[in-house]
C-alpha atoms as a PDB file:
ATOM      1  CA  MET A   1      -7.248  15.382   3.258  1.00  0.00           C
ATOM      2  CA  SER A   2      -3.839  15.933   1.700  1.00  0.00           C
ATOM      3  CA  GLN A   3      -2.689  18.661  -0.733  1.00  0.00           C
ATOM      4  CA  ARG A   4      -2.465  16.112  -3.497  1.00  0.00           C
ATOM      5  CA  GLU A   5      -5.969  14.953  -2.908  1.00  0.00           C
ATOM      6  CA  VAL A   6      -7.480  18.571  -2.749  1.00  0.00           C
ATOM      7  CA  ALA A   7      -5.485  19.332  -6.138  1.00  0.00           C
ATOM      8  CA  SER A   8      -6.851  16.364  -7.765  1.00  0.00           C
ATOM      9  CA  LEU A   9     -10.492  17.165  -6.720  1.00  0.00           C
ATOM     10  CA  ALA A  10      -9.979  20.800  -7.687  1.00  0.00           C
ATOM     11  CA  LYS A  11      -9.047  19.737 -11.167  1.00  0.00           C
ATOM     12  CA  ILE A  12     -11.969  17.480 -11.433  1.00  0.00           C
ATOM     13  CA  LEU A  13     -14.574  20.235 -10.184  1.00  0.00           C
ATOM     14  CA  SER A  14     -13.031  22.764 -12.499  1.00  0.00           C
ATOM     15  CA  ASP A  15     -13.288  20.598 -15.727  1.00  0.00           C
ATOM     16  CA  PRO A  16     -15.402  22.478 -18.284  1.00  0.00           C
ATOM     17  CA  GLU A  17     -17.083  19.255 -19.377  1.00  0.00           C
ATOM     18  CA  ASN A  18     -18.912  19.246 -15.962  1.00  0.00           C
ATOM     19  CA  LEU A  19     -21.597  21.344 -17.498  1.00  0.00           C
ATOM     20  CA  SER A  20     -22.734  18.404 -19.415  1.00  0.00           C
ATOM     21  CA  ARG A  21     -22.712  15.919 -16.566  1.00  0.00           C
ATOM     22  CA  SER A  22     -25.064  15.244 -13.725  1.00  0.00           C
ATOM     23  CA  ALA A  23     -24.217  16.006  -9.989  1.00  0.00           C
ATOM     24  CA  GLU A  24     -23.970  12.167  -9.484  1.00  0.00           C
ATOM     25  CA  GLU A  25     -21.271  11.769 -12.271  1.00  0.00           C
ATOM     26  CA  ILE A  26     -19.224  14.493 -10.887  1.00  0.00           C
ATOM     27  CA  ALA A  27     -19.678  13.079  -7.446  1.00  0.00           C
ATOM     28  CA  GLN A  28     -18.642   9.609  -8.595  1.00  0.00           C
ATOM     29  CA  SER A  29     -15.575  11.008 -10.404  1.00  0.00           C
ATOM     30  CA  CYS A  30     -14.400  12.594  -7.183  1.00  0.00           C
ATOM     31  CA  ILE A  31     -15.009   9.454  -5.238  1.00  0.00           C
ATOM     32  CA  ASP A  32     -13.203   7.410  -7.954  1.00  0.00           C
ATOM     33  CA  GLU A  33     -10.186   9.796  -7.838  1.00  0.00           C
ATOM     34  CA  LEU A  34     -10.050   9.616  -4.044  1.00  0.00           C
ATOM     35  CA  ASP A  35     -10.115   5.995  -4.150  1.00  0.00           C
ATOM     36  CA  SER A  36      -7.285   5.571  -6.619  1.00  0.00           C
ATOM     37  CA  LEU A  37      -5.105   8.125  -4.674  1.00  0.00           C
ATOM     38  CA  ARG A  38      -5.643   6.434  -1.380  1.00  0.00           C
ATOM     39  CA  SER A  39      -5.608   2.750  -2.713  1.00  0.00           C
ATOM     40  CA  THR A  40      -1.823   2.549  -2.171  1.00  0.00           C
ATOM     41  CA  THR A  41      -1.441   4.860   0.792  1.00  0.00           C
ATOM     42  CA  HIS A  42      -4.365   4.548   3.310  1.00  0.00           C
ATOM     43  CA  ARG A  43      -5.302   0.787   3.195  1.00  0.00           C
ATOM     44  CA  LEU A  44      -4.429  -1.751   5.757  1.00  0.00           C
ATOM     45  CA  ALA A  45      -4.925  -5.456   5.626  1.00  0.00           C
ATOM     46  CA  VAL A  46      -5.162  -7.970   8.572  1.00  0.00           C
ATOM     47  CA  VAL A  47      -3.215 -11.064   7.898  1.00  0.00           C
ATOM     48  CA  GLY A  48      -4.086 -13.913  10.344  1.00  0.00           C
ATOM     49  CA  GLN A  49      -3.162 -17.671  10.941  1.00  0.00           C
ATOM     50  CA  ILE A  50      -5.865 -19.827  12.324  1.00  0.00           C
ATOM     51  CA  THR A  51      -5.988 -23.574  13.371  1.00  0.00           C
ATOM     52  CA  TYR A  52      -8.580 -25.612  14.958  1.00  0.00           C
ATOM     53  CA  GLY A  53      -6.332 -27.834  16.972  1.00  0.00           C
ATOM     54  CA  PRO A  54      -2.761 -28.804  17.706  1.00  0.00           C
ATOM     55  CA  GLN A  55      -2.435 -31.374  14.970  1.00  0.00           C
ATOM     56  CA  GLU A  56      -4.520 -29.314  12.379  1.00  0.00           C
ATOM     57  CA  ALA A  57      -3.156 -27.440   9.535  1.00  0.00           C
ATOM     58  CA  VAL A  58      -2.479 -23.658   9.754  1.00  0.00           C
ATOM     59  CA  HIS A  59      -4.470 -21.564   7.572  1.00  0.00           C
ATOM     60  CA  THR A  60      -3.571 -18.006   6.372  1.00  0.00           C
ATOM     61  CA  VAL A  61      -6.355 -15.528   6.004  1.00  0.00           C
ATOM     62  CA  VAL A  62      -6.422 -11.885   4.836  1.00  0.00           C
ATOM     63  CA  LEU A  63      -9.135  -9.461   5.792  1.00  0.00           C
ATOM     64  CA  GLY A  64      -9.597  -6.105   4.530  1.00  0.00           C
ATOM     65  CA  PRO A  65      -8.871  -3.468   3.160  1.00  0.00           C
ATOM     66  CA  PHE A  66      -9.237  -1.163   6.226  1.00  0.00           C
ATOM     67  CA  ARG A  67      -8.713   2.597   6.269  1.00  0.00           C
ATOM     68  CA  SER A  68      -5.381   3.699   7.719  1.00  0.00           C
ATOM     69  CA  PRO A  69      -5.424   6.726   9.974  1.00  0.00           C
ATOM     70  CA  LEU A  70      -2.217   8.258   8.440  1.00  0.00           C
ATOM     71  CA  LYS A  71      -0.957   8.296   4.915  1.00  0.00           C
ATOM     72  CA  ALA A  72       1.334   5.350   5.138  1.00  0.00           C
ATOM     73  CA  GLU A  73       3.909   6.192   2.271  1.00  0.00           C
ATOM     74  CA  SER A  74       6.866   4.522   3.868  1.00  0.00           C
ATOM     75  CA  ASP A  75       7.751   1.863   6.504  1.00  0.00           C
ATOM     76  CA  GLU A  76       8.394   4.552   9.024  1.00  0.00           C
ATOM     77  CA  ARG A  77       4.957   6.209   8.316  1.00  0.00           C
ATOM     78  CA  PHE A  78       3.344   2.889   8.426  1.00  0.00           C
ATOM     79  CA  ARG A  79       4.714   2.090  12.025  1.00  0.00           C
ATOM     80  CA  ALA A  80       3.619   5.588  13.044  1.00  0.00           C
ATOM     81  CA  ALA A  81       0.063   4.727  11.734  1.00  0.00           C
ATOM     82  CA  LEU A  82      -0.005   1.576  13.805  1.00  0.00           C
ATOM     83  CA  GLU A  83       0.617   3.572  16.922  1.00  0.00           C
ATOM     84  CA  ARG A  84      -2.719   5.350  16.171  1.00  0.00           C
ATOM     85  CA  PRO A  85      -6.044   3.544  16.720  1.00  0.00           C
ATOM     86  CA  CYS A  86      -6.754   1.192  13.753  1.00  0.00           C
ATOM     87  CA  THR A  87      -9.908   0.149  15.683  1.00  0.00           C
ATOM     88  CA  ALA A  88     -11.763  -1.694  12.637  1.00  0.00           C
ATOM     89  CA  ALA A  89      -8.527  -3.649  11.569  1.00  0.00           C
ATOM     90  CA  ARG A  90      -7.664  -4.369  15.261  1.00  0.00           C
ATOM     91  CA  ASP A  91     -11.223  -5.702  15.993  1.00  0.00           C
ATOM     92  CA  ALA A  92     -11.235  -7.933  13.072  1.00  0.00           C
ATOM     93  CA  GLY A  93      -7.950  -9.387  13.930  1.00  0.00           C
ATOM     94  CA  ARG A  94      -8.939  -9.997  17.545  1.00  0.00           C
ATOM     95  CA  HIS A  95     -12.006 -12.042  16.162  1.00  0.00           C
ATOM     96  CA  LEU A  96      -9.359 -14.360  14.813  1.00  0.00           C
ATOM     97  CA  ALA A  97      -8.311 -15.425  18.342  1.00  0.00           C
ATOM     98  CA  TRP A  98     -10.617 -18.571  18.385  1.00  0.00           C
ATOM     99  CA  ASP A  99     -13.604 -19.954  16.423  1.00  0.00           C
ATOM    100  CA  SER A 100     -16.560 -17.943  17.908  1.00  0.00           C
ATOM    101  CA  LYS A 101     -19.045 -20.596  16.784  1.00  0.00           C
ATOM    102  CA  THR A 102     -17.373 -23.467  18.539  1.00  0.00           C
ATOM    103  CA  GLY A 103     -15.099 -21.847  21.069  1.00  0.00           C
ATOM    104  CA  THR A 104     -12.241 -23.824  19.895  1.00  0.00           C
ATOM    105  CA  GLY A 105      -9.122 -23.302  17.741  1.00  0.00           C
ATOM    106  CA  ARG A 106      -6.691 -20.332  18.083  1.00  0.00           C
ATOM    107  CA  GLY A 107      -5.448 -17.730  15.919  1.00  0.00           C
ATOM    108  CA  ARG A 108      -3.022 -14.804  15.693  1.00  0.00           C
ATOM    109  CA  PHE A 109      -2.986 -11.690  13.420  1.00  0.00           C
ATOM    110  CA  LEU A 110      -0.836  -8.731  12.383  1.00  0.00           C
ATOM    111  CA  ILE A 111      -1.711  -5.578  10.389  1.00  0.00           C
ATOM    112  CA  ALA A 112       0.100  -5.071   7.112  1.00  0.00           C
ATOM    113  CA  PRO A 113       0.019  -2.373   4.436  1.00  0.00           C
ATOM    114  CA  ALA A 114      -2.417  -3.217   1.585  1.00  0.00           C
ATOM    115  CA  PHE A 115      -1.584  -2.631  -2.087  1.00  0.00           C
ATOM    116  CA  THR A 116      -3.387  -3.049  -5.339  1.00  0.00           C
ATOM    117  CA  LYS A 117      -0.491  -3.600  -7.558  1.00  0.00           C
ATOM    118  CA  PRO A 118       2.951  -5.458  -6.945  1.00  0.00           C
ATOM    119  CA  ARG A 119       4.938  -2.237  -8.080  1.00  0.00           C
ATOM    120  CA  ASP A 120       3.366  -0.328  -5.195  1.00  0.00           C
ATOM    121  CA  ALA A 121       4.686  -2.875  -2.683  1.00  0.00           C
ATOM    122  CA  TRP A 122       8.202  -2.734  -4.139  1.00  0.00           C
ATOM    123  CA  ASP A 123       8.053   1.001  -4.123  1.00  0.00           C
ATOM    124  CA  PHE A 124       6.934   1.111  -0.296  1.00  0.00           C
ATOM    125  CA  TYR A 125       9.688  -1.092   0.839  1.00  0.00           C
ATOM    126  CA  ARG A 126      12.489   0.055  -1.655  1.00  0.00           C
ATOM    127  CA  PRO A 127      15.131   1.986   0.184  1.00  0.00           C
ATOM    128  CA  GLU A 128      15.738   5.653  -0.543  1.00  0.00           C
ATOM    129  CA  LYS A 129      18.555   6.430  -2.854  1.00  0.00           C
ATOM    130  CA  ARG A 130      21.346   7.593  -0.621  1.00  0.00           C
ATOM    131  CA  ALA A 131      23.277  10.718  -1.475  1.00  0.00           C
ATOM    132  CA  ASP A 132      26.538   8.938  -0.595  1.00  0.00           C
ATOM    133  CA  MET A 133      25.735   6.233  -3.246  1.00  0.00           C
ATOM    134  CA  GLN A 134      25.276   8.811  -5.990  1.00  0.00           C
ATOM    135  CA  HIS A 135      28.979   8.656  -7.073  1.00  0.00           C
ATOM    136  CA  ILE A 136      28.400   4.921  -8.250  1.00  0.00           C
ATOM    137  CA  THR A 137      25.663   5.891 -10.451  1.00  0.00           C
ATOM    138  CA  ASP A 138      27.735   8.703 -11.822  1.00  0.00           C
ATOM    139  CA  SER A 139      30.789   6.498 -12.366  1.00  0.00           C
ATOM    140  CA  ILE A 140      28.771   3.831 -14.128  1.00  0.00           C
ATOM    141  CA  ALA A 141      27.403   6.383 -16.537  1.00  0.00           C
ATOM    142  CA  ARG A 142      30.992   7.620 -17.222  1.00  0.00           C
ATOM    143  CA  TRP A 143      32.363   4.147 -17.713  1.00  0.00           C
ATOM    144  CA  GLN A 144      29.751   3.478 -20.491  1.00  0.00           C
ATOM    145  CA  PRO A 145      29.828  -0.379 -19.794  1.00  0.00           C
ATOM    146  CA  GLY A 146      28.036  -1.180 -23.036  1.00  0.00           C
ATOM    147  CA  LEU A 147      30.695   0.548 -24.954  1.00  0.00           C
ATOM    148  CA  TRP A 148      33.297  -1.858 -23.502  1.00  0.00           C
ATOM    149  CA  ALA A 149      31.048  -4.893 -24.661  1.00  0.00           C
ATOM    150  CA  GLU A 150      31.129  -3.312 -28.138  1.00  0.00           C
ATOM    151  CA  GLU A 151      34.990  -2.903 -28.170  1.00  0.00           C
ATOM    152  CA  ARG A 152      35.551  -6.471 -26.871  1.00  0.00           C
ATOM    153  CA  GLN A 153      33.538  -8.013 -29.687  1.00  0.00           C
ATOM    154  CA  ASP A 154      35.655  -6.182 -32.289  1.00  0.00           C
ATOM    155  CA  GLU A 155      38.910  -7.519 -31.034  1.00  0.00           C
END
């Protein structure tokens, strides 16, 4: 459990309103908080492609979410998580190899991070702001581009 998760749970457990709540309500609050914290960082999805024959259409499926063994907060951490056993996700993906009922068809899969919001997906893959690029941000602030547009209209 991360320090962030521990701090969030401690905040819930120390809430003075807990005196009027049942143990089940407090436990549900803790579970909900953990789910929301882990929703963007500890979930994996299995993305698979299956086809029944060589001339048949390819179908894309998504299975999950599955629990990640590591907190996958960046692409590097996600790759490190994949090096550990993700047994539930891998087992689900392996069952896409062929149709188990008929023994025909074929499939393949990959494991991907699962997100609940589009913003989380963008934040996951967005590159970090590099220190050597900070001068560009500072320069734009000094130039005041909006001011130039106002001056141009006055002329």
